[in-house]
Amino acid sequence: MLTSACPGWDRYAEHMLGHPITLHLFTAKSPKQIMGSVVKDYFASQQNLSPDKISHIIVASCYDEKLEAL
């Protein structure tokens, strides 16, 4: 199993190292993605809103962090 907190490394592995390596990549969501799901679901239920009406925004220091949103 291969894992990294850097979405850029994951993207590099997928595009440059190929199928033999990507078979061993860890596929769980990142902590930011998990927190986004929890925040949207919890806040939506507390405010009686649809989760589609809520935006969750993260300010990150790394340009590759945007890859997690895609």
N, C-alpha and C. Protein backbone atom coordinates (compact mmCIF):
# COMPACT_ATOMS: atom_id res chain seq x y z
N MET A 1 0.84 -1.16 0.00
CA MET A 1 0.00 0.00 0.00
C MET A 1 0.90 1.23 0.00
N LEU A 2 0.56 2.19 -0.84
CA LEU A 2 1.26 3.47 -0.91
C LEU A 2 0.29 4.57 -0.53
N THR A 3 0.75 5.51 0.26
CA THR A 3 -0.11 6.61 0.67
C THR A 3 0.70 7.91 0.72
N SER A 4 0.03 9.01 0.55
CA SER A 4 0.67 10.31 0.63
C SER A 4 -0.38 11.35 0.98
N ALA A 5 0.02 12.35 1.75
CA ALA A 5 -0.89 13.45 2.06
C ALA A 5 -0.89 14.49 0.95
N CYS A 6 -0.06 14.29 -0.05
CA CYS A 6 0.07 15.25 -1.15
C CYS A 6 -0.70 14.77 -2.37
N PRO A 7 -1.75 15.50 -2.78
CA PRO A 7 -2.48 15.09 -3.97
C PRO A 7 -1.63 15.17 -5.23
N GLY A 8 -0.60 16.01 -5.23
CA GLY A 8 0.30 16.09 -6.37
C GLY A 8 1.08 14.80 -6.57
N TRP A 9 1.47 14.17 -5.48
CA TRP A 9 2.18 12.89 -5.58
C TRP A 9 1.26 11.82 -6.15
N ASP A 10 0.03 11.80 -5.70
CA ASP A 10 -0.93 10.83 -6.23
C ASP A 10 -1.11 11.02 -7.73
N ARG A 11 -1.25 12.26 -8.14
CA ARG A 11 -1.42 12.57 -9.57
C ARG A 11 -0.18 12.15 -10.37
N TYR A 12 0.99 12.44 -9.81
CA TYR A 12 2.24 12.03 -10.46
C TYR A 12 2.28 10.51 -10.62
N ALA A 13 1.95 9.79 -9.57
CA ALA A 13 1.98 8.32 -9.62
C ALA A 13 1.01 7.80 -10.68
N GLU A 14 -0.18 8.38 -10.75
CA GLU A 14 -1.17 7.92 -11.72
C GLU A 14 -0.71 8.16 -13.16
N HIS A 15 -0.10 9.31 -13.42
CA HIS A 15 0.24 9.68 -14.80
C HIS A 15 1.63 9.23 -15.24
N MET A 16 2.57 9.15 -14.31
CA MET A 16 3.95 8.87 -14.71
C MET A 16 4.40 7.44 -14.38
N LEU A 17 3.91 6.88 -13.29
CA LEU A 17 4.39 5.56 -12.87
C LEU A 17 3.54 4.42 -13.40
N GLY A 18 2.29 4.71 -13.70
CA GLY A 18 1.46 3.73 -14.38
C GLY A 18 0.73 2.74 -13.49
N HIS A 19 0.11 1.80 -14.16
CA HIS A 19 -0.81 0.84 -13.55
C HIS A 19 -0.19 -0.02 -12.44
N PRO A 20 1.01 -0.53 -12.57
CA PRO A 20 1.55 -1.38 -11.49
C PRO A 20 1.63 -0.65 -10.15
N ILE A 21 1.90 0.64 -10.18
CA ILE A 21 2.00 1.42 -8.94
C ILE A 21 0.62 1.83 -8.45
N THR A 22 -0.26 2.25 -9.36
CA THR A 22 -1.57 2.74 -8.94
C THR A 22 -2.42 1.65 -8.30
N LEU A 23 -2.10 0.40 -8.55
CA LEU A 23 -2.83 -0.68 -7.88
C LEU A 23 -2.61 -0.65 -6.37
N HIS A 24 -1.52 -0.05 -5.93
CA HIS A 24 -1.17 -0.04 -4.52
C HIS A 24 -1.43 1.30 -3.83
N LEU A 25 -2.04 2.25 -4.54
CA LEU A 25 -2.36 3.53 -3.92
C LEU A 25 -3.53 3.38 -2.97
N PHE A 26 -3.43 4.04 -1.83
CA PHE A 26 -4.49 4.03 -0.83
C PHE A 26 -5.63 4.90 -1.34
N THR A 27 -6.86 4.40 -1.32
CA THR A 27 -7.97 5.10 -1.97
C THR A 27 -8.92 5.81 -1.01
N ALA A 28 -8.60 5.86 0.26
CA ALA A 28 -9.48 6.55 1.22
C ALA A 28 -9.46 8.05 0.96
N LYS A 29 -10.52 8.72 1.38
CA LYS A 29 -10.59 10.17 1.24
C LYS A 29 -9.57 10.82 2.17
N SER A 30 -9.16 12.03 1.81
CA SER A 30 -8.25 12.79 2.66
C SER A 30 -9.02 13.35 3.85
N PRO A 31 -8.31 13.76 4.91
CA PRO A 31 -9.00 14.37 6.05
C PRO A 31 -9.83 15.59 5.66
N LYS A 32 -9.36 16.37 4.69
CA LYS A 32 -10.12 17.55 4.25
C LYS A 32 -11.43 17.15 3.57
N GLN A 33 -11.39 16.10 2.78
CA GLN A 33 -12.61 15.63 2.11
C GLN A 33 -13.60 15.06 3.12
N ILE A 34 -13.10 14.32 4.08
CA ILE A 34 -13.97 13.75 5.11
C ILE A 34 -14.61 14.87 5.93
N MET A 35 -13.81 15.86 6.34
CA MET A 35 -14.36 16.97 7.12
C MET A 35 -15.39 17.75 6.32
N GLY A 36 -15.16 17.93 5.03
CA GLY A 36 -16.14 18.62 4.19
C GLY A 36 -17.47 17.90 4.17
N SER A 37 -17.44 16.58 4.06
CA SER A 37 -18.68 15.79 4.07
C SER A 37 -19.38 15.90 5.41
N VAL A 38 -18.62 15.81 6.49
CA VAL A 38 -19.21 15.89 7.83
C VAL A 38 -19.81 17.27 8.06
N VAL A 39 -19.07 18.31 7.73
CA VAL A 39 -19.56 19.67 7.94
C VAL A 39 -20.84 19.91 7.16
N LYS A 40 -20.86 19.53 5.89
CA LYS A 40 -22.05 19.76 5.08
C LYS A 40 -23.25 18.98 5.61
N ASP A 41 -23.06 17.71 5.93
CA ASP A 41 -24.18 16.89 6.41
C ASP A 41 -24.67 17.37 7.77
N TYR A 42 -23.76 17.64 8.69
CA TYR A 42 -24.15 18.07 10.04
C TYR A 42 -24.82 19.43 9.99
N PHE A 43 -24.19 20.40 9.33
CA PHE A 43 -24.74 21.75 9.28
C PHE A 43 -26.08 21.77 8.54
N ALA A 44 -26.17 21.00 7.47
CA ALA A 44 -27.43 20.94 6.72
C ALA A 44 -28.56 20.41 7.59
N SER A 45 -28.28 19.36 8.35
CA SER A 45 -29.34 18.80 9.21
C SER A 45 -29.69 19.76 10.34
N GLN A 46 -28.71 20.48 10.88
CA GLN A 46 -28.97 21.43 11.95
C GLN A 46 -29.80 22.63 11.48
N GLN A 47 -29.59 23.04 10.24
CA GLN A 47 -30.27 24.22 9.69
C GLN A 47 -31.44 23.88 8.77
N ASN A 48 -31.77 22.60 8.67
CA ASN A 48 -32.84 22.14 7.78
C ASN A 48 -32.63 22.61 6.34
N LEU A 49 -31.42 22.43 5.85
CA LEU A 49 -31.06 22.80 4.48
C LEU A 49 -30.65 21.57 3.70
N SER A 50 -30.67 21.70 2.40
CA SER A 50 -30.13 20.66 1.54
C SER A 50 -28.60 20.82 1.52
N PRO A 51 -27.84 19.72 1.60
CA PRO A 51 -26.37 19.84 1.52
C PRO A 51 -25.90 20.51 0.23
N ASP A 52 -26.71 20.46 -0.83
CA ASP A 52 -26.35 21.12 -2.09
C ASP A 52 -26.32 22.64 -1.96
N LYS A 53 -26.99 23.17 -0.95
CA LYS A 53 -27.05 24.62 -0.74
C LYS A 53 -25.86 25.14 0.08
N ILE A 54 -24.98 24.26 0.52
CA ILE A 54 -23.86 24.63 1.39
C ILE A 54 -22.55 24.47 0.63
N SER A 55 -21.69 25.48 0.74
CA SER A 55 -20.35 25.40 0.15
C SER A 55 -19.34 25.28 1.28
N HIS A 56 -18.38 24.40 1.11
CA HIS A 56 -17.31 24.20 2.09
C HIS A 56 -16.02 24.62 1.42
N ILE A 57 -15.36 25.63 1.97
CA ILE A 57 -14.17 26.21 1.34
C ILE A 57 -12.96 25.97 2.23
N ILE A 58 -11.85 25.57 1.60
CA ILE A 58 -10.60 25.35 2.32
C ILE A 58 -9.54 26.27 1.71
N VAL A 59 -8.79 26.94 2.57
CA VAL A 59 -7.65 27.73 2.12
C VAL A 59 -6.42 26.88 2.41
N ALA A 60 -5.70 26.50 1.37
CA ALA A 60 -4.55 25.61 1.52
C ALA A 60 -3.28 26.28 0.99
N SER A 61 -2.16 25.83 1.50
CA SER A 61 -0.89 26.44 1.12
C SER A 61 -0.30 25.85 -0.15
N CYS A 62 -0.85 24.76 -0.64
CA CYS A 62 -0.26 24.06 -1.77
C CYS A 62 -1.19 24.13 -2.99
N TYR A 63 -0.62 24.43 -4.14
CA TYR A 63 -1.41 24.52 -5.37
C TYR A 63 -2.09 23.20 -5.71
N ASP A 64 -1.44 22.08 -5.41
CA ASP A 64 -1.99 20.77 -5.75
C ASP A 64 -3.19 20.38 -4.90
N GLU A 65 -3.43 21.08 -3.81
CA GLU A 65 -4.59 20.77 -2.97
C GLU A 65 -5.89 20.91 -3.76
N LYS A 66 -5.90 21.75 -4.79
CA LYS A 66 -7.11 21.92 -5.60
C LYS A 66 -7.49 20.63 -6.31
N LEU A 67 -6.53 19.73 -6.49
CA LEU A 67 -6.80 18.47 -7.18
C LEU A 67 -7.80 17.61 -6.41
N GLU A 68 -7.88 17.80 -5.09
CA GLU A 68 -8.82 17.02 -4.30
C GLU A 68 -10.26 17.42 -4.57
N ALA A 69 -10.46 18.62 -5.05
CA ALA A 69 -11.82 19.10 -5.33
C ALA A 69 -12.33 18.59 -6.66
N LEU A 70 -11.46 18.12 -7.51
CA LEU A 70 -11.87 17.70 -8.85
C LEU A 70 -12.32 16.27 -8.88
